[in-house]
Amino acid sequence: MASEITRDELRVRAARAGLELSEDELNQLLPGVNRAYNQADDLRKLVTNTDEPAAVFAPARSQRE
């Protein structure tokens, strides 16, 4: 499991994005941010370099005269 993001880290990341959040707003956002962060980490663990893409784009070559 990924480590939890602290309130201070969230404040810094929000400031980098140009957001000024109150303590109450940070407290409300923190559980959802940590949940999303951990879910993204779980998805990254499922994808390996040996997995092939679901589809491959191969454009048809046209003959030019």
N, C-alpha and C. Protein backbone atom coordinates (compact mmCIF):
# COMPACT_ATOMS: atom_id res chain seq x y z
N MET A 1 0.85 -1.18 0.00
CA MET A 1 0.00 0.00 0.00
C MET A 1 0.89 1.24 0.00
N ALA A 2 0.48 2.23 -0.72
CA ALA A 2 1.23 3.48 -0.78
C ALA A 2 1.10 4.21 0.55
N SER A 3 2.12 4.98 0.87
CA SER A 3 2.06 5.74 2.11
C SER A 3 1.01 6.84 1.98
N GLU A 4 0.48 7.22 3.11
CA GLU A 4 -0.58 8.24 3.13
C GLU A 4 0.02 9.63 2.92
N ILE A 5 -0.73 10.48 2.24
CA ILE A 5 -0.35 11.87 2.06
C ILE A 5 -0.80 12.63 3.30
N THR A 6 0.08 13.43 3.87
CA THR A 6 -0.26 14.18 5.07
C THR A 6 -0.99 15.47 4.69
N ARG A 7 -1.59 16.10 5.68
CA ARG A 7 -2.29 17.37 5.44
C ARG A 7 -1.31 18.43 4.93
N ASP A 8 -0.10 18.44 5.49
CA ASP A 8 0.90 19.42 5.05
C ASP A 8 1.31 19.19 3.59
N GLU A 9 1.47 17.92 3.21
CA GLU A 9 1.81 17.61 1.81
C GLU A 9 0.67 18.03 0.88
N LEU A 10 -0.56 17.79 1.31
CA LEU A 10 -1.71 18.18 0.51
C LEU A 10 -1.77 19.70 0.36
N ARG A 11 -1.46 20.41 1.42
CA ARG A 11 -1.45 21.88 1.37
C ARG A 11 -0.41 22.36 0.35
N VAL A 12 0.77 21.76 0.37
CA VAL A 12 1.84 22.15 -0.57
C VAL A 12 1.42 21.85 -2.00
N ARG A 13 0.87 20.66 -2.23
CA ARG A 13 0.44 20.29 -3.58
C ARG A 13 -0.69 21.18 -4.09
N ALA A 14 -1.59 21.55 -3.20
CA ALA A 14 -2.68 22.44 -3.58
C ALA A 14 -2.13 23.83 -3.93
N ALA A 15 -1.16 24.30 -3.14
CA ALA A 15 -0.56 25.60 -3.41
C ALA A 15 0.16 25.61 -4.75
N ARG A 16 0.83 24.51 -5.09
CA ARG A 16 1.49 24.40 -6.39
C ARG A 16 0.49 24.48 -7.53
N ALA A 17 -0.73 24.02 -7.27
CA ALA A 17 -1.79 24.07 -8.28
C ALA A 17 -2.52 25.41 -8.25
N GLY A 18 -2.08 26.32 -7.37
CA GLY A 18 -2.70 27.63 -7.30
C GLY A 18 -3.93 27.68 -6.42
N LEU A 19 -4.09 26.71 -5.53
CA LEU A 19 -5.26 26.67 -4.65
C LEU A 19 -4.87 27.05 -3.23
N GLU A 20 -5.66 27.86 -2.60
CA GLU A 20 -5.48 28.19 -1.19
C GLU A 20 -6.66 27.58 -0.45
N LEU A 21 -6.40 26.50 0.27
CA LEU A 21 -7.46 25.77 0.95
C LEU A 21 -7.40 26.01 2.45
N SER A 22 -8.57 26.10 3.07
CA SER A 22 -8.64 26.26 4.52
C SER A 22 -8.36 24.91 5.18
N GLU A 23 -8.12 24.94 6.49
CA GLU A 23 -7.88 23.70 7.23
C GLU A 23 -9.09 22.76 7.11
N ASP A 24 -10.28 23.33 7.16
CA ASP A 24 -11.50 22.52 7.04
C ASP A 24 -11.57 21.85 5.66
N GLU A 25 -11.24 22.61 4.62
CA GLU A 25 -11.26 22.04 3.27
C GLU A 25 -10.21 20.95 3.12
N LEU A 26 -9.02 21.17 3.69
CA LEU A 26 -7.97 20.14 3.64
C LEU A 26 -8.42 18.88 4.37
N ASN A 27 -9.05 19.06 5.53
CA ASN A 27 -9.53 17.91 6.30
C ASN A 27 -10.60 17.13 5.54
N GLN A 28 -11.44 17.84 4.80
CA GLN A 28 -12.49 17.17 4.02
C GLN A 28 -11.91 16.43 2.82
N LEU A 29 -10.89 17.00 2.19
CA LEU A 29 -10.30 16.41 0.99
C LEU A 29 -9.36 15.25 1.28
N LEU A 30 -8.67 15.29 2.39
CA LEU A 30 -7.60 14.34 2.68
C LEU A 30 -7.99 12.87 2.57
N PRO A 31 -9.11 12.42 3.14
CA PRO A 31 -9.45 11.00 3.00
C PRO A 31 -9.65 10.56 1.55
N GLY A 32 -10.32 11.39 0.76
CA GLY A 32 -10.55 11.06 -0.65
C GLY A 32 -9.28 11.07 -1.46
N VAL A 33 -8.40 12.02 -1.16
CA VAL A 33 -7.11 12.09 -1.86
C VAL A 33 -6.29 10.84 -1.56
N ASN A 34 -6.24 10.45 -0.31
CA ASN A 34 -5.48 9.24 0.05
C ASN A 34 -6.10 7.99 -0.57
N ARG A 35 -7.42 7.92 -0.62
CA ARG A 35 -8.08 6.78 -1.23
C ARG A 35 -7.73 6.71 -2.72
N ALA A 36 -7.81 7.83 -3.42
CA ALA A 36 -7.49 7.87 -4.85
C ALA A 36 -6.02 7.56 -5.09
N TYR A 37 -5.15 8.08 -4.24
CA TYR A 37 -3.71 7.83 -4.36
C TYR A 37 -3.42 6.33 -4.22
N ASN A 38 -4.04 5.69 -3.24
CA ASN A 38 -3.83 4.26 -3.03
C ASN A 38 -4.44 3.41 -4.15
N GLN A 39 -5.59 3.82 -4.68
CA GLN A 39 -6.19 3.10 -5.79
C GLN A 39 -5.31 3.19 -7.04
N ALA A 40 -4.75 4.36 -7.30
CA ALA A 40 -3.85 4.52 -8.44
C ALA A 40 -2.61 3.65 -8.26
N ASP A 41 -2.11 3.57 -7.04
CA ASP A 41 -0.95 2.72 -6.76
C ASP A 41 -1.29 1.25 -7.00
N ASP A 42 -2.48 0.82 -6.59
CA ASP A 42 -2.91 -0.56 -6.82
C ASP A 42 -3.00 -0.87 -8.31
N LEU A 43 -3.50 0.08 -9.10
CA LEU A 43 -3.60 -0.13 -10.55
C LEU A 43 -2.22 -0.22 -11.18
N ARG A 44 -1.28 0.59 -10.73
CA ARG A 44 0.09 0.53 -11.26
C ARG A 44 0.71 -0.83 -11.03
N LYS A 45 0.38 -1.47 -9.92
CA LYS A 45 0.93 -2.79 -9.61
C LYS A 45 0.39 -3.87 -10.55
N LEU A 46 -0.79 -3.65 -11.13
CA LEU A 46 -1.39 -4.62 -12.03
C LEU A 46 -0.77 -4.61 -13.42
N VAL A 47 -0.22 -3.48 -13.82
CA VAL A 47 0.34 -3.33 -15.16
C VAL A 47 1.82 -3.69 -15.11
N THR A 48 2.20 -4.62 -15.98
CA THR A 48 3.60 -5.00 -16.05
C THR A 48 4.13 -4.71 -17.44
N ASN A 49 5.43 -4.72 -17.59
CA ASN A 49 6.03 -4.46 -18.89
C ASN A 49 5.77 -5.60 -19.87
N THR A 50 5.36 -6.74 -19.39
CA THR A 50 5.11 -7.87 -20.28
C THR A 50 3.70 -7.85 -20.87
N ASP A 51 2.85 -6.97 -20.33
CA ASP A 51 1.49 -6.86 -20.85
C ASP A 51 1.51 -6.14 -22.19
N GLU A 52 0.79 -6.70 -23.16
CA GLU A 52 0.69 -6.05 -24.46
C GLU A 52 -0.50 -5.10 -24.44
N PRO A 53 -0.43 -4.05 -25.24
CA PRO A 53 -1.58 -3.14 -25.29
C PRO A 53 -2.82 -3.85 -25.82
N ALA A 54 -3.97 -3.35 -25.45
CA ALA A 54 -5.23 -3.97 -25.87
C ALA A 54 -5.43 -3.86 -27.37
N ALA A 55 -4.94 -2.82 -27.96
CA ALA A 55 -5.09 -2.62 -29.40
C ALA A 55 -3.82 -1.97 -29.94
N VAL A 56 -3.55 -2.26 -31.19
CA VAL A 56 -2.39 -1.68 -31.83
C VAL A 56 -2.86 -0.93 -33.06
N PHE A 57 -2.41 0.30 -33.22
CA PHE A 57 -2.78 1.10 -34.38
C PHE A 57 -1.80 0.80 -35.50
N ALA A 58 -2.32 0.29 -36.60
CA ALA A 58 -1.50 0.00 -37.77
C ALA A 58 -2.19 0.59 -38.99
N PRO A 59 -1.83 1.79 -39.37
CA PRO A 59 -2.51 2.42 -40.52
C PRO A 59 -2.21 1.67 -41.81
N ALA A 60 -3.20 1.59 -42.66
CA ALA A 60 -3.01 0.93 -43.95
C ALA A 60 -2.15 1.83 -44.82
N ARG A 61 -1.24 1.23 -45.51
CA ARG A 61 -0.37 2.00 -46.40
C ARG A 61 -1.06 2.19 -47.73
N SER A 62 -1.09 3.40 -48.19
CA SER A 62 -1.70 3.65 -49.49
C SER A 62 -0.62 3.67 -50.54
N GLN A 63 -0.98 3.25 -51.74
CA GLN A 63 -0.01 3.26 -52.83
C GLN A 63 -0.06 4.62 -53.49
N ARG A 64 1.08 5.20 -53.64
CA ARG A 64 1.16 6.52 -54.30
C ARG A 64 1.67 6.33 -55.71
N GLU A 65 1.11 7.07 -56.59
CA GLU A 65 1.55 6.97 -57.99
C GLU A 65 2.57 8.01 -58.32
